[in-house]
Amino acid sequence: MDGRDTDACPIAKVARLLSDTWTMMIVHRLNEGPKRFCELERALDGISTRTLTLKLAKLAEDGMVTKAEDGRYLTTERGKGLRRVERAMMRYQEDYL
């Protein structure tokens, strides 16, 4: 596969979007309901403040999360769409891990 093939491949596009553990975990926590930065930090055991800051900025840039006027972060419609991926991951874990 050359670079052009991976640009058009839907699996490659989603893999790039979810290229690390924290991205999916942040969206998962926000899909449970809106949270303030400190609530997210507590819910994500082991994440550094810097990493959370950078990941939230990237997720906002990608249109996955937004920050409400009251300071809470929440998923957009696009971020909520990852619930399908979450369910598939849970089924895979139950069946194979």
PDB file of N, CA and C in Angstrom:
ATOM      1  N   MET A   1       0.838  -1.190   0.000  1.00  0.00           N
ATOM      2  CA  MET A   1       0.000   0.000   0.000  1.00  0.00           C
ATOM      3  C   MET A   1       0.878   1.246   0.000  1.00  0.00           C
ATOM      4  N   ASP A   2       0.647   2.121  -0.943  1.00  0.00           N
ATOM      5  CA  ASP A   2       1.388   3.377  -0.892  1.00  0.00           C
ATOM      6  C   ASP A   2       0.571   4.416  -0.134  1.00  0.00           C
ATOM      7  N   GLY A   3       1.105   5.600   0.063  1.00  0.00           N
ATOM      8  CA  GLY A   3       0.459   6.642   0.850  1.00  0.00           C
ATOM      9  C   GLY A   3      -0.929   7.008   0.347  1.00  0.00           C
ATOM     10  N   ARG A   4      -1.120   6.963  -0.979  1.00  0.00           N
ATOM     11  CA  ARG A   4      -2.426   7.303  -1.544  1.00  0.00           C
ATOM     12  C   ARG A   4      -3.471   6.282  -1.136  1.00  0.00           C
ATOM     13  N   ASP A   5      -3.088   5.011  -1.074  1.00  0.00           N
ATOM     14  CA  ASP A   5      -4.027   3.967  -0.679  1.00  0.00           C
ATOM     15  C   ASP A   5      -4.483   4.156   0.767  1.00  0.00           C
ATOM     16  N   THR A   6      -3.558   4.483   1.658  1.00  0.00           N
ATOM     17  CA  THR A   6      -3.931   4.647   3.056  1.00  0.00           C
ATOM     18  C   THR A   6      -4.751   5.910   3.274  1.00  0.00           C
ATOM     19  N   ASP A   7      -4.562   6.940   2.435  1.00  0.00           N
ATOM     20  CA  ASP A   7      -5.366   8.155   2.565  1.00  0.00           C
ATOM     21  C   ASP A   7      -6.828   7.877   2.262  1.00  0.00           C
ATOM     22  N   ALA A   8      -7.104   6.959   1.361  1.00  0.00           N
ATOM     23  CA  ALA A   8      -8.473   6.647   0.967  1.00  0.00           C
ATOM     24  C   ALA A   8      -9.090   5.538   1.816  1.00  0.00           C
ATOM     25  N   CYS A   9      -8.281   4.811   2.537  1.00  0.00           N
ATOM     26  CA  CYS A   9      -8.770   3.661   3.303  1.00  0.00           C
ATOM     27  C   CYS A   9      -9.506   4.114   4.563  1.00  0.00           C
ATOM     28  N   PRO A  10     -10.770   3.711   4.746  1.00  0.00           N
ATOM     29  CA  PRO A  10     -11.511   4.123   5.935  1.00  0.00           C
ATOM     30  C   PRO A  10     -10.886   3.619   7.235  1.00  0.00           C
ATOM     31  N   ILE A  11     -10.296   2.448   7.218  1.00  0.00           N
ATOM     32  CA  ILE A  11      -9.652   1.906   8.419  1.00  0.00           C
ATOM     33  C   ILE A  11      -8.462   2.779   8.795  1.00  0.00           C
ATOM     34  N   ALA A  12      -7.668   3.177   7.811  1.00  0.00           N
ATOM     35  CA  ALA A  12      -6.509   4.027   8.077  1.00  0.00           C
ATOM     36  C   ALA A  12      -6.937   5.386   8.618  1.00  0.00           C
ATOM     37  N   LYS A  13      -8.021   5.942   8.092  1.00  0.00           N
ATOM     38  CA  LYS A  13      -8.498   7.247   8.561  1.00  0.00           C
ATOM     39  C   LYS A  13      -8.897   7.178  10.035  1.00  0.00           C
ATOM     40  N   VAL A  14      -9.648   6.151  10.409  1.00  0.00           N
ATOM     41  CA  VAL A  14     -10.078   6.020  11.804  1.00  0.00           C
ATOM     42  C   VAL A  14      -8.889   5.680  12.685  1.00  0.00           C
ATOM     43  N   ALA A  15      -7.984   4.847  12.218  1.00  0.00           N
ATOM     44  CA  ALA A  15      -6.794   4.496  12.999  1.00  0.00           C
ATOM     45  C   ALA A  15      -5.961   5.738  13.298  1.00  0.00           C
ATOM     46  N   ARG A  16      -5.827   6.635  12.319  1.00  0.00           N
ATOM     47  CA  ARG A  16      -5.087   7.879  12.561  1.00  0.00           C
ATOM     48  C   ARG A  16      -5.803   8.741  13.602  1.00  0.00           C
ATOM     49  N   LEU A  17      -7.128   8.806  13.518  1.00  0.00           N
ATOM     50  CA  LEU A  17      -7.908   9.600  14.468  1.00  0.00           C
ATOM     51  C   LEU A  17      -7.741   9.068  15.884  1.00  0.00           C
ATOM     52  N   LEU A  18      -7.730   7.756  16.025  1.00  0.00           N
ATOM     53  CA  LEU A  18      -7.664   7.114  17.343  1.00  0.00           C
ATOM     54  C   LEU A  18      -6.296   6.494  17.578  1.00  0.00           C
ATOM     55  N   SER A  19      -5.267   7.224  17.233  1.00  0.00           N
ATOM     56  CA  SER A  19      -3.921   6.659  17.187  1.00  0.00           C
ATOM     57  C   SER A  19      -3.280   6.371  18.540  1.00  0.00           C
ATOM     58  N   ASP A  20      -3.952   6.717  19.627  1.00  0.00           N
ATOM     59  CA  ASP A  20      -3.372   6.419  20.931  1.00  0.00           C
ATOM     60  C   ASP A  20      -4.484   6.105  21.929  1.00  0.00           C
ATOM     61  N   THR A  21      -4.115   5.505  23.020  1.00  0.00           N
ATOM     62  CA  THR A  21      -5.071   5.083  24.049  1.00  0.00           C
ATOM     63  C   THR A  21      -5.827   6.254  24.637  1.00  0.00           C
ATOM     64  N   TRP A  22      -5.149   7.351  24.930  1.00  0.00           N
ATOM     65  CA  TRP A  22      -5.800   8.464  25.627  1.00  0.00           C
ATOM     66  C   TRP A  22      -6.938   9.069  24.831  1.00  0.00           C
ATOM     67  N   THR A  23      -6.787   9.154  23.529  1.00  0.00           N
ATOM     68  CA  THR A  23      -7.838   9.755  22.708  1.00  0.00           C
ATOM     69  C   THR A  23      -9.161   9.034  22.913  1.00  0.00           C
ATOM     70  N   MET A  24      -9.147   7.732  22.800  1.00  0.00           N
ATOM     71  CA  MET A  24     -10.390   6.961  22.952  1.00  0.00           C
ATOM     72  C   MET A  24     -10.901   7.016  24.385  1.00  0.00           C
ATOM     73  N   MET A  25     -10.003   7.001  25.354  1.00  0.00           N
ATOM     74  CA  MET A  25     -10.430   7.049  26.755  1.00  0.00           C
ATOM     75  C   MET A  25     -11.071   8.399  27.098  1.00  0.00           C
ATOM     76  N   ILE A  26     -10.537   9.486  26.567  1.00  0.00           N
ATOM     77  CA  ILE A  26     -11.123  10.808  26.809  1.00  0.00           C
ATOM     78  C   ILE A  26     -12.522  10.871  26.214  1.00  0.00           C
ATOM     79  N   VAL A  27     -12.658  10.440  24.975  1.00  0.00           N
ATOM     80  CA  VAL A  27     -13.973  10.462  24.331  1.00  0.00           C
ATOM     81  C   VAL A  27     -14.945   9.548  25.079  1.00  0.00           C
ATOM     82  N   HIS A  28     -14.469   8.400  25.509  1.00  0.00           N
ATOM     83  CA  HIS A  28     -15.314   7.469  26.277  1.00  0.00           C
ATOM     84  C   HIS A  28     -15.847   8.149  27.543  1.00  0.00           C
ATOM     85  N   ARG A  29     -14.980   8.801  28.290  1.00  0.00           N
ATOM     86  CA  ARG A  29     -15.404   9.486  29.520  1.00  0.00           C
ATOM     87  C   ARG A  29     -16.367  10.625  29.218  1.00  0.00           C
ATOM     88  N   LEU A  30     -16.119  11.359  28.149  1.00  0.00           N
ATOM     89  CA  LEU A  30     -17.008  12.464  27.807  1.00  0.00           C
ATOM     90  C   LEU A  30     -18.340  11.968  27.238  1.00  0.00           C
ATOM     91  N   ASN A  31     -18.345  10.789  26.635  1.00  0.00           N
ATOM     92  CA  ASN A  31     -19.605  10.215  26.162  1.00  0.00           C
ATOM     93  C   ASN A  31     -20.495   9.790  27.338  1.00  0.00           C
ATOM     94  N   GLU A  32     -19.902   9.632  28.513  1.00  0.00           N
ATOM     95  CA  GLU A  32     -20.693   9.360  29.723  1.00  0.00           C
ATOM     96  C   GLU A  32     -21.440  10.613  30.182  1.00  0.00           C
ATOM     97  N   GLY A  33     -20.927  11.776  29.813  1.00  0.00           N
ATOM     98  CA  GLY A  33     -21.533  13.051  30.178  1.00  0.00           C
ATOM     99  C   GLY A  33     -20.475  14.131  30.242  1.00  0.00           C
ATOM    100  N   PRO A  34     -20.896  15.407  30.145  1.00  0.00           N
ATOM    101  CA  PRO A  34     -19.945  16.521  30.182  1.00  0.00           C
ATOM    102  C   PRO A  34     -19.131  16.523  31.471  1.00  0.00           C
ATOM    103  N   LYS A  35     -17.881  16.942  31.352  1.00  0.00           N
ATOM    104  CA  LYS A  35     -16.991  16.972  32.515  1.00  0.00           C
ATOM    105  C   LYS A  35     -16.072  18.182  32.445  1.00  0.00           C
ATOM    106  N   ARG A  36     -15.731  18.681  33.606  1.00  0.00           N
ATOM    107  CA  ARG A  36     -14.720  19.737  33.713  1.00  0.00           C
ATOM    108  C   ARG A  36     -13.342  19.087  33.579  1.00  0.00           C
ATOM    109  N   PHE A  37     -12.350  19.898  33.301  1.00  0.00           N
ATOM    110  CA  PHE A  37     -10.983  19.407  33.108  1.00  0.00           C
ATOM    111  C   PHE A  37     -10.536  18.558  34.295  1.00  0.00           C
ATOM    112  N   CYS A  38     -10.735  19.062  35.511  1.00  0.00           N
ATOM    113  CA  CYS A  38     -10.263  18.332  36.698  1.00  0.00           C
ATOM    114  C   CYS A  38     -11.017  17.018  36.879  1.00  0.00           C
ATOM    115  N   GLU A  39     -12.279  16.959  36.488  1.00  0.00           N
ATOM    116  CA  GLU A  39     -13.032  15.704  36.565  1.00  0.00           C
ATOM    117  C   GLU A  39     -12.467  14.683  35.587  1.00  0.00           C
ATOM    118  N   LEU A  40     -12.146  15.145  34.403  1.00  0.00           N
ATOM    119  CA  LEU A  40     -11.528  14.254  33.416  1.00  0.00           C
ATOM    120  C   LEU A  40     -10.180  13.750  33.895  1.00  0.00           C
ATOM    121  N   GLU A  41      -9.403  14.651  34.441  1.00  0.00           N
ATOM    122  CA  GLU A  41      -8.070  14.288  34.932  1.00  0.00           C
ATOM    123  C   GLU A  41      -8.174  13.196  36.002  1.00  0.00           C
ATOM    124  N   ARG A  42      -9.131  13.331  36.897  1.00  0.00           N
ATOM    125  CA  ARG A  42      -9.324  12.306  37.943  1.00  0.00           C
ATOM    126  C   ARG A  42      -9.833  10.993  37.361  1.00  0.00           C
ATOM    127  N   ALA A  43     -10.679  11.073  36.342  1.00  0.00           N
ATOM    128  CA  ALA A  43     -11.270   9.875  35.745  1.00  0.00           C
ATOM    129  C   ALA A  43     -10.277   9.093  34.888  1.00  0.00           C
ATOM    130  N   LEU A  44      -9.216   9.751  34.450  1.00  0.00           N
ATOM    131  CA  LEU A  44      -8.230   9.128  33.567  1.00  0.00           C
ATOM    132  C   LEU A  44      -6.937   8.886  34.339  1.00  0.00           C
ATOM    133  N   ASP A  45      -6.917   7.849  35.108  1.00  0.00           N
ATOM    134  CA  ASP A  45      -5.787   7.520  35.961  1.00  0.00           C
ATOM    135  C   ASP A  45      -4.500   7.409  35.150  1.00  0.00           C
ATOM    136  N   GLY A  46      -3.523   8.234  35.513  1.00  0.00           N
ATOM    137  CA  GLY A  46      -2.212   8.159  34.876  1.00  0.00           C
ATOM    138  C   GLY A  46      -1.967   9.198  33.797  1.00  0.00           C
ATOM    139  N   ILE A  47      -2.978   9.938  33.401  1.00  0.00           N
ATOM    140  CA  ILE A  47      -2.757  10.948  32.353  1.00  0.00           C
ATOM    141  C   ILE A  47      -2.143  12.198  32.989  1.00  0.00           C
ATOM    142  N   SER A  48      -1.192  12.790  32.297  1.00  0.00           N
ATOM    143  CA  SER A  48      -0.593  14.025  32.807  1.00  0.00           C
ATOM    144  C   SER A  48      -1.459  15.217  32.394  1.00  0.00           C
ATOM    145  N   THR A  49      -1.326  16.299  33.122  1.00  0.00           N
ATOM    146  CA  THR A  49      -2.067  17.522  32.806  1.00  0.00           C
ATOM    147  C   THR A  49      -1.734  17.981  31.393  1.00  0.00           C
ATOM    148  N   ARG A  50      -0.462  17.945  31.059  1.00  0.00           N
ATOM    149  CA  ARG A  50      -0.035  18.364  29.719  1.00  0.00           C
ATOM    150  C   ARG A  50      -0.654  17.494  28.631  1.00  0.00           C
ATOM    151  N   THR A  51      -0.629  16.185  28.813  1.00  0.00           N
ATOM    152  CA  THR A  51      -1.195  15.281  27.810  1.00  0.00           C
ATOM    153  C   THR A  51      -2.687  15.531  27.648  1.00  0.00           C
ATOM    154  N   LEU A  52      -3.400  15.672  28.753  1.00  0.00           N
ATOM    155  CA  LEU A  52      -4.838  15.920  28.678  1.00  0.00           C
ATOM    156  C   LEU A  52      -5.115  17.244  27.955  1.00  0.00           C
ATOM    157  N   THR A  53      -4.349  18.265  28.266  1.00  0.00           N
ATOM    158  CA  THR A  53      -4.509  19.564  27.606  1.00  0.00           C
ATOM    159  C   THR A  53      -4.311  19.438  26.097  1.00  0.00           C
ATOM    160  N   LEU A  54      -3.235  18.765  25.706  1.00  0.00           N
ATOM    161  CA  LEU A  54      -2.938  18.608  24.278  1.00  0.00           C
ATOM    162  C   LEU A  54      -3.987  17.758  23.572  1.00  0.00           C
ATOM    163  N   LYS A  55      -4.419  16.677  24.216  1.00  0.00           N
ATOM    164  CA  LYS A  55      -5.416  15.792  23.603  1.00  0.00           C
ATOM    165  C   LYS A  55      -6.758  16.491  23.453  1.00  0.00           C
ATOM    166  N   LEU A  56      -7.175  17.255  24.461  1.00  0.00           N
ATOM    167  CA  LEU A  56      -8.442  17.982  24.356  1.00  0.00           C
ATOM    168  C   LEU A  56      -8.378  19.018  23.236  1.00  0.00           C
ATOM    169  N   ALA A  57      -7.243  19.694  23.105  1.00  0.00           N
ATOM    170  CA  ALA A  57      -7.089  20.673  22.024  1.00  0.00           C
ATOM    171  C   ALA A  57      -7.182  19.994  20.657  1.00  0.00           C
ATOM    172  N   LYS A  58      -6.545  18.846  20.517  1.00  0.00           N
ATOM    173  CA  LYS A  58      -6.587  18.102  19.247  1.00  0.00           C
ATOM    174  C   LYS A  58      -7.992  17.587  18.965  1.00  0.00           C
ATOM    175  N   LEU A  59      -8.666  17.056  19.984  1.00  0.00           N
ATOM    176  CA  LEU A  59     -10.037  16.569  19.802  1.00  0.00           C
ATOM    177  C   LEU A  59     -10.982  17.710  19.427  1.00  0.00           C
ATOM    178  N   ALA A  60     -10.768  18.888  19.990  1.00  0.00           N
ATOM    179  CA  ALA A  60     -11.580  20.058  19.634  1.00  0.00           C
ATOM    180  C   ALA A  60     -11.290  20.468  18.187  1.00  0.00           C
ATOM    181  N   GLU A  61     -10.021  20.471  17.830  1.00  0.00           N
ATOM    182  CA  GLU A  61      -9.620  20.811  16.457  1.00  0.00           C
ATOM    183  C   GLU A  61     -10.238  19.842  15.445  1.00  0.00           C
ATOM    184  N   ASP A  62     -10.332  18.572  15.826  1.00  0.00           N
ATOM    185  CA  ASP A  62     -10.896  17.537  14.953  1.00  0.00           C
ATOM    186  C   ASP A  62     -12.426  17.495  15.001  1.00  0.00           C
ATOM    187  N   GLY A  63     -13.030  18.365  15.807  1.00  0.00           N
ATOM    188  CA  GLY A  63     -14.488  18.417  15.874  1.00  0.00           C
ATOM    189  C   GLY A  63     -15.129  17.311  16.687  1.00  0.00           C
ATOM    190  N   MET A  64     -14.351  16.687  17.580  1.00  0.00           N
ATOM    191  CA  MET A  64     -14.868  15.576  18.388  1.00  0.00           C
ATOM    192  C   MET A  64     -15.419  16.047  19.731  1.00  0.00           C
ATOM    193  N   VAL A  65     -14.832  17.096  20.289  1.00  0.00           N
ATOM    194  CA  VAL A  65     -15.289  17.650  21.567  1.00  0.00           C
ATOM    195  C   VAL A  65     -15.388  19.166  21.450  1.00  0.00           C
ATOM    196  N   THR A  66     -16.120  19.731  22.378  1.00  0.00           N
ATOM    197  CA  THR A  66     -16.232  21.176  22.461  1.00  0.00           C
ATOM    198  C   THR A  66     -16.239  21.562  23.931  1.00  0.00           C
ATOM    199  N   LYS A  67     -15.939  22.811  24.187  1.00  0.00           N
ATOM    200  CA  LYS A  67     -15.946  23.312  25.557  1.00  0.00           C
ATOM    201  C   LYS A  67     -17.126  24.265  25.699  1.00  0.00           C
ATOM    202  N   ALA A  68     -18.025  23.944  26.622  1.00  0.00           N
ATOM    203  CA  ALA A  68     -19.208  24.759  26.843  1.00  0.00           C
ATOM    204  C   ALA A  68     -18.842  26.035  27.586  1.00  0.00           C
ATOM    205  N   GLU A  69     -19.768  26.972  27.604  1.00  0.00           N
ATOM    206  CA  GLU A  69     -19.535  28.250  28.295  1.00  0.00           C
ATOM    207  C   GLU A  69     -19.286  28.064  29.787  1.00  0.00           C
ATOM    208  N   ASP A  70     -19.851  26.996  30.353  1.00  0.00           N
ATOM    209  CA  ASP A  70     -19.655  26.759  31.794  1.00  0.00           C
ATOM    210  C   ASP A  70     -18.328  26.060  32.093  1.00  0.00           C
ATOM    211  N   GLY A  71     -17.501  25.839  31.066  1.00  0.00           N
ATOM    212  CA  GLY A  71     -16.176  25.257  31.257  1.00  0.00           C
ATOM    213  C   GLY A  71     -16.123  23.747  31.150  1.00  0.00           C
ATOM    214  N   ARG A  72     -17.278  23.102  30.965  1.00  0.00           N
ATOM    215  CA  ARG A  72     -17.279  21.640  30.837  1.00  0.00           C
ATOM    216  C   ARG A  72     -17.019  21.237  29.389  1.00  0.00           C
ATOM    217  N   TYR A  73     -16.335  20.119  29.237  1.00  0.00           N
ATOM    218  CA  TYR A  73     -16.086  19.545  27.924  1.00  0.00           C
ATOM    219  C   TYR A  73     -17.178  18.529  27.624  1.00  0.00           C
ATOM    220  N   LEU A  74     -17.577  18.470  26.358  1.00  0.00           N
ATOM    221  CA  LEU A  74     -18.576  17.492  25.959  1.00  0.00           C
ATOM    222  C   LEU A  74     -18.305  17.049  24.534  1.00  0.00           C
ATOM    223  N   THR A  75     -18.813  15.883  24.205  1.00  0.00           N
ATOM    224  CA  THR A  75     -18.619  15.368  22.858  1.00  0.00           C
ATOM    225  C   THR A  75     -19.611  16.025  21.912  1.00  0.00           C
ATOM    226  N   THR A  76     -19.163  16.219  20.697  1.00  0.00           N
ATOM    227  CA  THR A  76     -20.023  16.699  19.626  1.00  0.00           C
ATOM    228  C   THR A  76     -20.741  15.482  19.038  1.00  0.00           C
ATOM    229  N   GLU A  77     -21.555  15.715  18.048  1.00  0.00           N
ATOM    230  CA  GLU A  77     -22.225  14.593  17.367  1.00  0.00           C
ATOM    231  C   GLU A  77     -21.182  13.635  16.792  1.00  0.00           C
ATOM    232  N   ARG A  78     -20.123  14.194  16.266  1.00  0.00           N
ATOM    233  CA  ARG A  78     -19.029  13.378  15.707  1.00  0.00           C
ATOM    234  C   ARG A  78     -18.376  12.524  16.801  1.00  0.00           C
ATOM    235  N   GLY A  79     -18.140  13.106  17.964  1.00  0.00           N
ATOM    236  CA  GLY A  79     -17.561  12.358  19.075  1.00  0.00           C
ATOM    237  C   GLY A  79     -18.503  11.283  19.594  1.00  0.00           C
ATOM    238  N   LYS A  80     -19.787  11.602  19.632  1.00  0.00           N
ATOM    239  CA  LYS A  80     -20.781  10.607  20.067  1.00  0.00           C
ATOM    240  C   LYS A  80     -20.820   9.416  19.122  1.00  0.00           C
ATOM    241  N   GLY A  81     -20.488   9.651  17.855  1.00  0.00           N
ATOM    242  CA  GLY A  81     -20.454   8.563  16.883  1.00  0.00           C
ATOM    243  C   GLY A  81     -19.450   7.480  17.241  1.00  0.00           C
ATOM    244  N   LEU A  82     -18.462   7.824  18.071  1.00  0.00           N
ATOM    245  CA  LEU A  82     -17.465   6.822  18.482  1.00  0.00           C
ATOM    246  C   LEU A  82     -18.032   5.799  19.461  1.00  0.00           C
ATOM    247  N   ARG A  83     -19.261   6.003  19.907  1.00  0.00           N
ATOM    248  CA  ARG A  83     -19.895   4.980  20.760  1.00  0.00           C
ATOM    249  C   ARG A  83     -19.958   3.645  20.037  1.00  0.00           C
ATOM    250  N   ARG A  84     -20.112   3.687  18.715  1.00  0.00           N
ATOM    251  CA  ARG A  84     -20.112   2.432  17.935  1.00  0.00           C
ATOM    252  C   ARG A  84     -18.777   1.720  18.067  1.00  0.00           C
ATOM    253  N   VAL A  85     -17.707   2.492  18.008  1.00  0.00           N
ATOM    254  CA  VAL A  85     -16.364   1.915  18.145  1.00  0.00           C
ATOM    255  C   VAL A  85     -16.189   1.373  19.562  1.00  0.00           C
ATOM    256  N   GLU A  86     -16.657   2.123  20.573  1.00  0.00           N
ATOM    257  CA  GLU A  86     -16.579   1.667  21.964  1.00  0.00           C
ATOM    258  C   GLU A  86     -17.273   0.318  22.128  1.00  0.00           C
ATOM    259  N   ARG A  87     -18.483   0.209  21.596  1.00  0.00           N
ATOM    260  CA  ARG A  87     -19.230  -1.051  21.721  1.00  0.00           C
ATOM    261  C   ARG A  87     -18.489  -2.199  21.040  1.00  0.00           C
ATOM    262  N   ALA A  88     -17.928  -1.931  19.867  1.00  0.00           N
ATOM    263  CA  ALA A  88     -17.172  -2.966  19.159  1.00  0.00           C
ATOM    264  C   ALA A  88     -15.939  -3.378  19.959  1.00  0.00           C
ATOM    265  N   MET A  89     -15.274  -2.404  20.579  1.00  0.00           N
ATOM    266  CA  MET A  89     -14.095  -2.714  21.395  1.00  0.00           C
ATOM    267  C   MET A  89     -14.494  -3.569  22.606  1.00  0.00           C
ATOM    268  N   MET A  90     -15.620  -3.241  23.227  1.00  0.00           N
ATOM    269  CA  MET A  90     -16.086  -4.017  24.384  1.00  0.00           C
ATOM    270  C   MET A  90     -16.435  -5.444  23.979  1.00  0.00           C
ATOM    271  N   ARG A  91     -17.093  -5.597  22.836  1.00  0.00           N
ATOM    272  CA  ARG A  91     -17.428  -6.948  22.369  1.00  0.00           C
ATOM    273  C   ARG A  91     -16.151  -7.735  22.071  1.00  0.00           C
ATOM    274  N   TYR A  92     -15.183  -7.096  21.436  1.00  0.00           N
ATOM    275  CA  TYR A  92     -13.926  -7.773  21.125  1.00  0.00           C
ATOM    276  C   TYR A  92     -13.236  -8.221  22.400  1.00  0.00           C
ATOM    277  N   GLN A  93     -13.204  -7.332  23.395  1.00  0.00           N
ATOM    278  CA  GLN A  93     -12.564  -7.664  24.675  1.00  0.00           C
ATOM    279  C   GLN A  93     -13.254  -8.857  25.329  1.00  0.00           C
ATOM    280  N   GLU A  94     -14.576  -8.849  25.312  1.00  0.00           N
ATOM    281  CA  GLU A  94     -15.327  -9.960  25.916  1.00  0.00           C
ATOM    282  C   GLU A  94     -15.060 -11.277  25.187  1.00  0.00           C
ATOM    283  N   ASP A  95     -14.970 -11.229  23.877  1.00  0.00           N
ATOM    284  CA  ASP A  95     -14.807 -12.445  23.091  1.00  0.00           C
ATOM    285  C   ASP A  95     -13.372 -12.957  22.996  1.00  0.00           C
ATOM    286  N   TYR A  96     -12.390 -12.058  23.034  1.00  0.00           N
ATOM    287  CA  TYR A  96     -11.026 -12.481  22.711  1.00  0.00           C
ATOM    288  C   TYR A  96      -9.954 -12.173  23.749  1.00  0.00           C
ATOM    289  N   LEU A  97     -10.246 -11.303  24.708  1.00  0.00           N
ATOM    290  CA  LEU A  97      -9.187 -10.954  25.659  1.00  0.00           C
ATOM    291  C   LEU A  97      -9.484 -11.462  27.056  1.00  0.00           C
TER     292      LEU A  97
END
